[in-house]
Amino acid sequence: MNKQIIVPGAAILFLAISFARWPELFLVVAERVLDFLPRWIARFLYPIENFNKDVQFYIRPQGSVFFYLRDVPKLSIYLNLVDHSPFAIELDVLTVKVYTDPPHYQGLCDFQRVERTTVNRHSTEKVFVETPLTDAQVRQLYTAKEKQLTFSLRLTAMLDTKLGRAEIEEALEGLKAEISG
């Protein structure tokens, strides 16, 4: 007597879905293992240079860079810090350099933000940066407003991680800024 085993369609579907999720499950387990390894082994498996590609700054599509030229002139920048690494990071020092775009490429201002911000792994955190502007910078901005120039940001961030200090650099170019005043 031949007995056939009939596997219901739902069981086959369940197995197909569970096999499709194996890479995702493997990554979760690998991240948990990295948490418990000593620093020198974790650095061997995940070099500190990988933070340059796994941690990025983004700006909102509209209204991320504001120049207020009235009473107290200031520059305000709204950024998003995205961490795709398997470790939580802490933003320690952020250096911002602002340039006008072609044809001049003039340095407008540079400043540092020294406020610690913690970003969990695989998450995004908002970062707000603000600095006062001098009279010379305000004059440059009036010229840039007349010529309708765009701006570039050069960001250098010092991060504290489980693996030690990491430095990342990011360039955001062709930004439209709102200049009021």
C-alpha atoms as a PDB file:
ATOM      1  CA  MET A   1       0.000   0.000   0.000  1.00  0.00           C
ATOM      2  CA  ASN A   2       1.423   3.313  -1.084  1.00  0.00           C
ATOM      3  CA  LYS A   3       0.895   6.091   1.363  1.00  0.00           C
ATOM      4  CA  GLN A   4       1.450   9.566   0.122  1.00  0.00           C
ATOM      5  CA  ILE A   5       2.155  12.368   2.473  1.00  0.00           C
ATOM      6  CA  ILE A   6       0.200  15.415   1.496  1.00  0.00           C
ATOM      7  CA  VAL A   7       1.685  18.650   2.722  1.00  0.00           C
ATOM      8  CA  PRO A   8      -0.892  21.385   2.929  1.00  0.00           C
ATOM      9  CA  GLY A   9      -0.296  24.496   0.864  1.00  0.00           C
ATOM     10  CA  ALA A  10      -0.139  26.635   3.977  1.00  0.00           C
ATOM     11  CA  ALA A  11       2.850  24.674   5.301  1.00  0.00           C
ATOM     12  CA  ILE A  12       4.701  25.074   2.000  1.00  0.00           C
ATOM     13  CA  LEU A  13       3.971  28.798   2.037  1.00  0.00           C
ATOM     14  CA  PHE A  14       5.204  29.059   5.630  1.00  0.00           C
ATOM     15  CA  LEU A  15       8.479  27.299   4.760  1.00  0.00           C
ATOM     16  CA  ALA A  16       9.013  29.516   1.695  1.00  0.00           C
ATOM     17  CA  ILE A  17       8.498  32.670   3.734  1.00  0.00           C
ATOM     18  CA  SER A  18      10.744  31.501   6.561  1.00  0.00           C
ATOM     19  CA  PHE A  19      13.561  30.600   4.119  1.00  0.00           C
ATOM     20  CA  ALA A  20      13.237  34.014   2.476  1.00  0.00           C
ATOM     21  CA  ARG A  21      13.834  35.675   5.855  1.00  0.00           C
ATOM     22  CA  TRP A  22      17.041  33.780   6.626  1.00  0.00           C
ATOM     23  CA  PRO A  23      19.384  36.610   5.537  1.00  0.00           C
ATOM     24  CA  GLU A  24      17.476  39.071   7.725  1.00  0.00           C
ATOM     25  CA  LEU A  25      17.577  36.709  10.707  1.00  0.00           C
ATOM     26  CA  PHE A  26      21.280  36.085  10.148  1.00  0.00           C
ATOM     27  CA  LEU A  27      22.018  39.833  10.268  1.00  0.00           C
ATOM     28  CA  VAL A  28      20.076  40.251  13.512  1.00  0.00           C
ATOM     29  CA  VAL A  29      21.955  37.364  15.131  1.00  0.00           C
ATOM     30  CA  ALA A  30      25.300  38.697  13.821  1.00  0.00           C
ATOM     31  CA  GLU A  31      24.602  42.135  15.349  1.00  0.00           C
ATOM     32  CA  ARG A  32      23.780  40.568  18.708  1.00  0.00           C
ATOM     33  CA  VAL A  33      27.013  38.567  18.617  1.00  0.00           C
ATOM     34  CA  LEU A  34      29.017  41.740  17.806  1.00  0.00           C
ATOM     35  CA  ASP A  35      27.599  43.354  20.956  1.00  0.00           C
ATOM     36  CA  PHE A  36      29.207  40.741  23.187  1.00  0.00           C
ATOM     37  CA  LEU A  37      32.578  40.414  21.477  1.00  0.00           C
ATOM     38  CA  PRO A  38      35.646  42.220  22.832  1.00  0.00           C
ATOM     39  CA  ARG A  39      36.553  45.446  21.041  1.00  0.00           C
ATOM     40  CA  TRP A  40      39.579  44.052  19.177  1.00  0.00           C
ATOM     41  CA  ILE A  41      37.585  41.164  17.689  1.00  0.00           C
ATOM     42  CA  ALA A  42      34.660  43.431  16.770  1.00  0.00           C
ATOM     43  CA  ARG A  43      37.120  45.815  15.040  1.00  0.00           C
ATOM     44  CA  PHE A  44      38.482  42.884  13.030  1.00  0.00           C
ATOM     45  CA  LEU A  45      34.983  41.886  11.886  1.00  0.00           C
ATOM     46  CA  TYR A  46      33.705  45.458  11.362  1.00  0.00           C
ATOM     47  CA  PRO A  47      36.568  47.879  10.582  1.00  0.00           C
ATOM     48  CA  ILE A  48      36.086  51.402  11.922  1.00  0.00           C
ATOM     49  CA  GLU A  49      36.408  52.757   8.345  1.00  0.00           C
ATOM     50  CA  ASN A  50      33.002  51.210   7.569  1.00  0.00           C
ATOM     51  CA  PHE A  51      31.338  54.013   9.525  1.00  0.00           C
ATOM     52  CA  ASN A  52      32.084  56.331   6.551  1.00  0.00           C
ATOM     53  CA  LYS A  53      29.610  54.434   4.390  1.00  0.00           C
ATOM     54  CA  ASP A  54      27.142  53.386   7.108  1.00  0.00           C
ATOM     55  CA  VAL A  55      26.615  56.766   8.816  1.00  0.00           C
ATOM     56  CA  GLN A  56      25.264  59.603   6.664  1.00  0.00           C
ATOM     57  CA  PHE A  57      23.847  63.093   6.917  1.00  0.00           C
ATOM     58  CA  TYR A  58      20.747  64.080   4.978  1.00  0.00           C
ATOM     59  CA  ILE A  59      18.774  67.277   4.741  1.00  0.00           C
ATOM     60  CA  ARG A  60      15.079  67.772   4.280  1.00  0.00           C
ATOM     61  CA  PRO A  61      14.081  68.417   0.654  1.00  0.00           C
ATOM     62  CA  GLN A  62      12.681  71.863   1.471  1.00  0.00           C
ATOM     63  CA  GLY A  63      13.600  74.331   4.175  1.00  0.00           C
ATOM     64  CA  SER A  64      16.761  72.882   5.676  1.00  0.00           C
ATOM     65  CA  VAL A  65      19.092  75.882   5.500  1.00  0.00           C
ATOM     66  CA  PHE A  66      17.892  79.259   6.808  1.00  0.00           C
ATOM     67  CA  PHE A  67      19.744  82.565   6.896  1.00  0.00           C
ATOM     68  CA  TYR A  68      18.067  85.159   9.129  1.00  0.00           C
ATOM     69  CA  LEU A  69      19.518  88.598   8.383  1.00  0.00           C
ATOM     70  CA  ARG A  70      17.328  90.761  10.588  1.00  0.00           C
ATOM     71  CA  ASP A  71      18.027  91.875  14.196  1.00  0.00           C
ATOM     72  CA  VAL A  72      20.507  89.141  15.159  1.00  0.00           C
ATOM     73  CA  PRO A  73      21.785  87.532  11.937  1.00  0.00           C
ATOM     74  CA  LYS A  74      22.141  83.770  12.208  1.00  0.00           C
ATOM     75  CA  LEU A  75      22.358  80.579  10.207  1.00  0.00           C
ATOM     76  CA  SER A  76      20.131  77.596  11.072  1.00  0.00           C
ATOM     77  CA  ILE A  77      20.567  74.136   9.551  1.00  0.00           C
ATOM     78  CA  TYR A  78      18.316  71.120  10.074  1.00  0.00           C
ATOM     79  CA  LEU A  79      20.018  67.762   9.420  1.00  0.00           C
ATOM     80  CA  ASN A  80      19.136  64.093   9.770  1.00  0.00           C
ATOM     81  CA  LEU A  81      21.866  61.751  10.979  1.00  0.00           C
ATOM     82  CA  VAL A  82      21.232  58.189   9.767  1.00  0.00           C
ATOM     83  CA  ASP A  83      23.042  55.216  11.318  1.00  0.00           C
ATOM     84  CA  HIS A  84      22.995  52.018   9.237  1.00  0.00           C
ATOM     85  CA  SER A  85      25.821  50.433  11.240  1.00  0.00           C
ATOM     86  CA  PRO A  86      25.369  47.523  13.664  1.00  0.00           C
ATOM     87  CA  PHE A  87      26.427  49.775  16.579  1.00  0.00           C
ATOM     88  CA  ALA A  88      24.902  52.722  18.400  1.00  0.00           C
ATOM     89  CA  ILE A  89      26.889  55.921  17.826  1.00  0.00           C
ATOM     90  CA  GLU A  90      27.235  59.188  19.684  1.00  0.00           C
ATOM     91  CA  LEU A  91      27.828  62.385  17.715  1.00  0.00           C
ATOM     92  CA  ASP A  92      30.446  64.305  19.666  1.00  0.00           C
ATOM     93  CA  VAL A  93      31.672  67.218  17.519  1.00  0.00           C
ATOM     94  CA  LEU A  94      30.186  68.382  14.221  1.00  0.00           C
ATOM     95  CA  THR A  95      32.188  70.838  12.103  1.00  0.00           C
ATOM     96  CA  VAL A  96      30.194  72.656   9.419  1.00  0.00           C
ATOM     97  CA  LYS A  97      31.701  74.662   6.552  1.00  0.00           C
ATOM     98  CA  VAL A  98      29.336  76.632   4.332  1.00  0.00           C
ATOM     99  CA  TYR A  99      30.287  77.649   0.784  1.00  0.00           C
ATOM    100  CA  THR A 100      28.512  79.456  -2.032  1.00  0.00           C
ATOM    101  CA  ASP A 101      28.318  77.366  -5.200  1.00  0.00           C
ATOM    102  CA  PRO A 102      29.548  78.272  -8.699  1.00  0.00           C
ATOM    103  CA  PRO A 103      30.945  80.423 -10.008  1.00  0.00           C
ATOM    104  CA  HIS A 104      32.602  81.707  -6.817  1.00  0.00           C
ATOM    105  CA  TYR A 105      32.997  78.819  -4.332  1.00  0.00           C
ATOM    106  CA  GLN A 106      33.622  81.313  -1.557  1.00  0.00           C
ATOM    107  CA  GLY A 107      33.794  80.126   2.015  1.00  0.00           C
ATOM    108  CA  LEU A 108      30.943  81.780   3.835  1.00  0.00           C
ATOM    109  CA  CYS A 109      31.414  80.490   7.377  1.00  0.00           C
ATOM    110  CA  ASP A 110      32.598  77.540   9.407  1.00  0.00           C
ATOM    111  CA  PHE A 111      31.703  76.589  12.955  1.00  0.00           C
ATOM    112  CA  GLN A 112      31.432  73.663  15.354  1.00  0.00           C
ATOM    113  CA  ARG A 113      28.557  72.111  17.234  1.00  0.00           C
ATOM    114  CA  VAL A 114      29.736  70.491  20.463  1.00  0.00           C
ATOM    115  CA  GLU A 115      26.600  68.827  21.746  1.00  0.00           C
ATOM    116  CA  ARG A 116      26.385  65.071  22.189  1.00  0.00           C
ATOM    117  CA  THR A 117      23.610  63.265  20.308  1.00  0.00           C
ATOM    118  CA  THR A 118      23.049  59.511  20.606  1.00  0.00           C
ATOM    119  CA  VAL A 119      21.821  57.567  17.577  1.00  0.00           C
ATOM    120  CA  ASN A 120      20.801  53.933  18.001  1.00  0.00           C
ATOM    121  CA  ARG A 121      21.732  51.406  15.363  1.00  0.00           C
ATOM    122  CA  HIS A 122      19.570  51.410  12.243  1.00  0.00           C
ATOM    123  CA  SER A 123      17.806  54.626  13.193  1.00  0.00           C
ATOM    124  CA  THR A 124      17.678  58.342  12.382  1.00  0.00           C
ATOM    125  CA  GLU A 125      18.154  61.310  14.690  1.00  0.00           C
ATOM    126  CA  LYS A 126      17.505  64.998  13.978  1.00  0.00           C
ATOM    127  CA  VAL A 127      20.403  67.403  14.457  1.00  0.00           C
ATOM    128  CA  PHE A 128      19.900  71.172  14.681  1.00  0.00           C
ATOM    129  CA  VAL A 129      22.836  73.519  14.106  1.00  0.00           C
ATOM    130  CA  GLU A 130      22.795  77.284  14.604  1.00  0.00           C
ATOM    131  CA  THR A 131      25.442  80.007  14.587  1.00  0.00           C
ATOM    132  CA  PRO A 132      25.491  83.821  14.551  1.00  0.00           C
ATOM    133  CA  LEU A 133      26.706  85.652  11.442  1.00  0.00           C
ATOM    134  CA  THR A 134      29.089  88.593  11.188  1.00  0.00           C
ATOM    135  CA  ASP A 135      28.484  91.783   9.174  1.00  0.00           C
ATOM    136  CA  ALA A 136      30.852  90.612   6.416  1.00  0.00           C
ATOM    137  CA  GLN A 137      28.954  87.320   6.121  1.00  0.00           C
ATOM    138  CA  VAL A 138      25.654  89.202   5.931  1.00  0.00           C
ATOM    139  CA  ARG A 139      27.021  91.321   3.052  1.00  0.00           C
ATOM    140  CA  GLN A 140      28.108  88.129   1.248  1.00  0.00           C
ATOM    141  CA  LEU A 141      24.622  86.702   1.742  1.00  0.00           C
ATOM    142  CA  TYR A 142      22.919  89.780   0.260  1.00  0.00           C
ATOM    143  CA  THR A 143      25.148  89.343  -2.822  1.00  0.00           C
ATOM    144  CA  ALA A 144      24.338  85.625  -2.985  1.00  0.00           C
ATOM    145  CA  LYS A 145      20.623  86.427  -2.669  1.00  0.00           C
ATOM    146  CA  GLU A 146      20.787  88.865  -5.591  1.00  0.00           C
ATOM    147  CA  LYS A 147      22.641  86.351  -7.793  1.00  0.00           C
ATOM    148  CA  GLN A 148      20.419  83.460  -6.602  1.00  0.00           C
ATOM    149  CA  LEU A 149      23.404  81.273  -5.726  1.00  0.00           C
ATOM    150  CA  THR A 150      23.115  77.841  -4.157  1.00  0.00           C
ATOM    151  CA  PHE A 151      25.148  76.642  -1.182  1.00  0.00           C
ATOM    152  CA  SER A 152      27.273  73.654  -0.200  1.00  0.00           C
ATOM    153  CA  LEU A 153      27.904  72.167   3.220  1.00  0.00           C
ATOM    154  CA  ARG A 154      31.042  70.260   4.182  1.00  0.00           C
ATOM    155  CA  LEU A 155      30.358  68.269   7.342  1.00  0.00           C
ATOM    156  CA  THR A 156      32.985  66.559   9.489  1.00  0.00           C
ATOM    157  CA  ALA A 157      31.656  64.541  12.408  1.00  0.00           C
ATOM    158  CA  MET A 158      33.541  62.929  15.281  1.00  0.00           C
ATOM    159  CA  LEU A 159      31.681  59.871  16.554  1.00  0.00           C
ATOM    160  CA  ASP A 160      32.094  57.782  19.678  1.00  0.00           C
ATOM    161  CA  THR A 161      31.321  54.109  19.103  1.00  0.00           C
ATOM    162  CA  LYS A 162      31.896  50.785  20.816  1.00  0.00           C
ATOM    163  CA  LEU A 163      34.906  50.383  18.510  1.00  0.00           C
ATOM    164  CA  GLY A 164      36.443  53.761  19.416  1.00  0.00           C
ATOM    165  CA  ARG A 165      36.448  57.207  17.772  1.00  0.00           C
ATOM    166  CA  ALA A 166      35.466  57.489  14.134  1.00  0.00           C
ATOM    167  CA  GLU A 167      35.531  60.497  11.826  1.00  0.00           C
ATOM    168  CA  ILE A 168      33.157  60.817   8.898  1.00  0.00           C
ATOM    169  CA  GLU A 169      33.024  63.478   6.209  1.00  0.00           C
ATOM    170  CA  GLU A 170      30.040  64.372   4.073  1.00  0.00           C
ATOM    171  CA  ALA A 171      29.493  66.959   1.328  1.00  0.00           C
ATOM    172  CA  LEU A 172      26.012  68.278   0.568  1.00  0.00           C
ATOM    173  CA  GLU A 173      25.987  70.395  -2.574  1.00  0.00           C
ATOM    174  CA  GLY A 174      23.545  72.469  -4.564  1.00  0.00           C
ATOM    175  CA  LEU A 175      21.367  73.420  -1.599  1.00  0.00           C
ATOM    176  CA  LYS A 176      18.738  76.111  -1.901  1.00  0.00           C
ATOM    177  CA  ALA A 177      18.686  78.266   1.198  1.00  0.00           C
ATOM    178  CA  GLU A 178      15.978  80.551   2.487  1.00  0.00           C
ATOM    179  CA  ILE A 179      17.400  84.012   3.080  1.00  0.00           C
ATOM    180  CA  SER A 180      15.129  86.329   5.024  1.00  0.00           C
ATOM    181  CA  GLY A 181      15.933  89.936   5.635  1.00  0.00           C
END
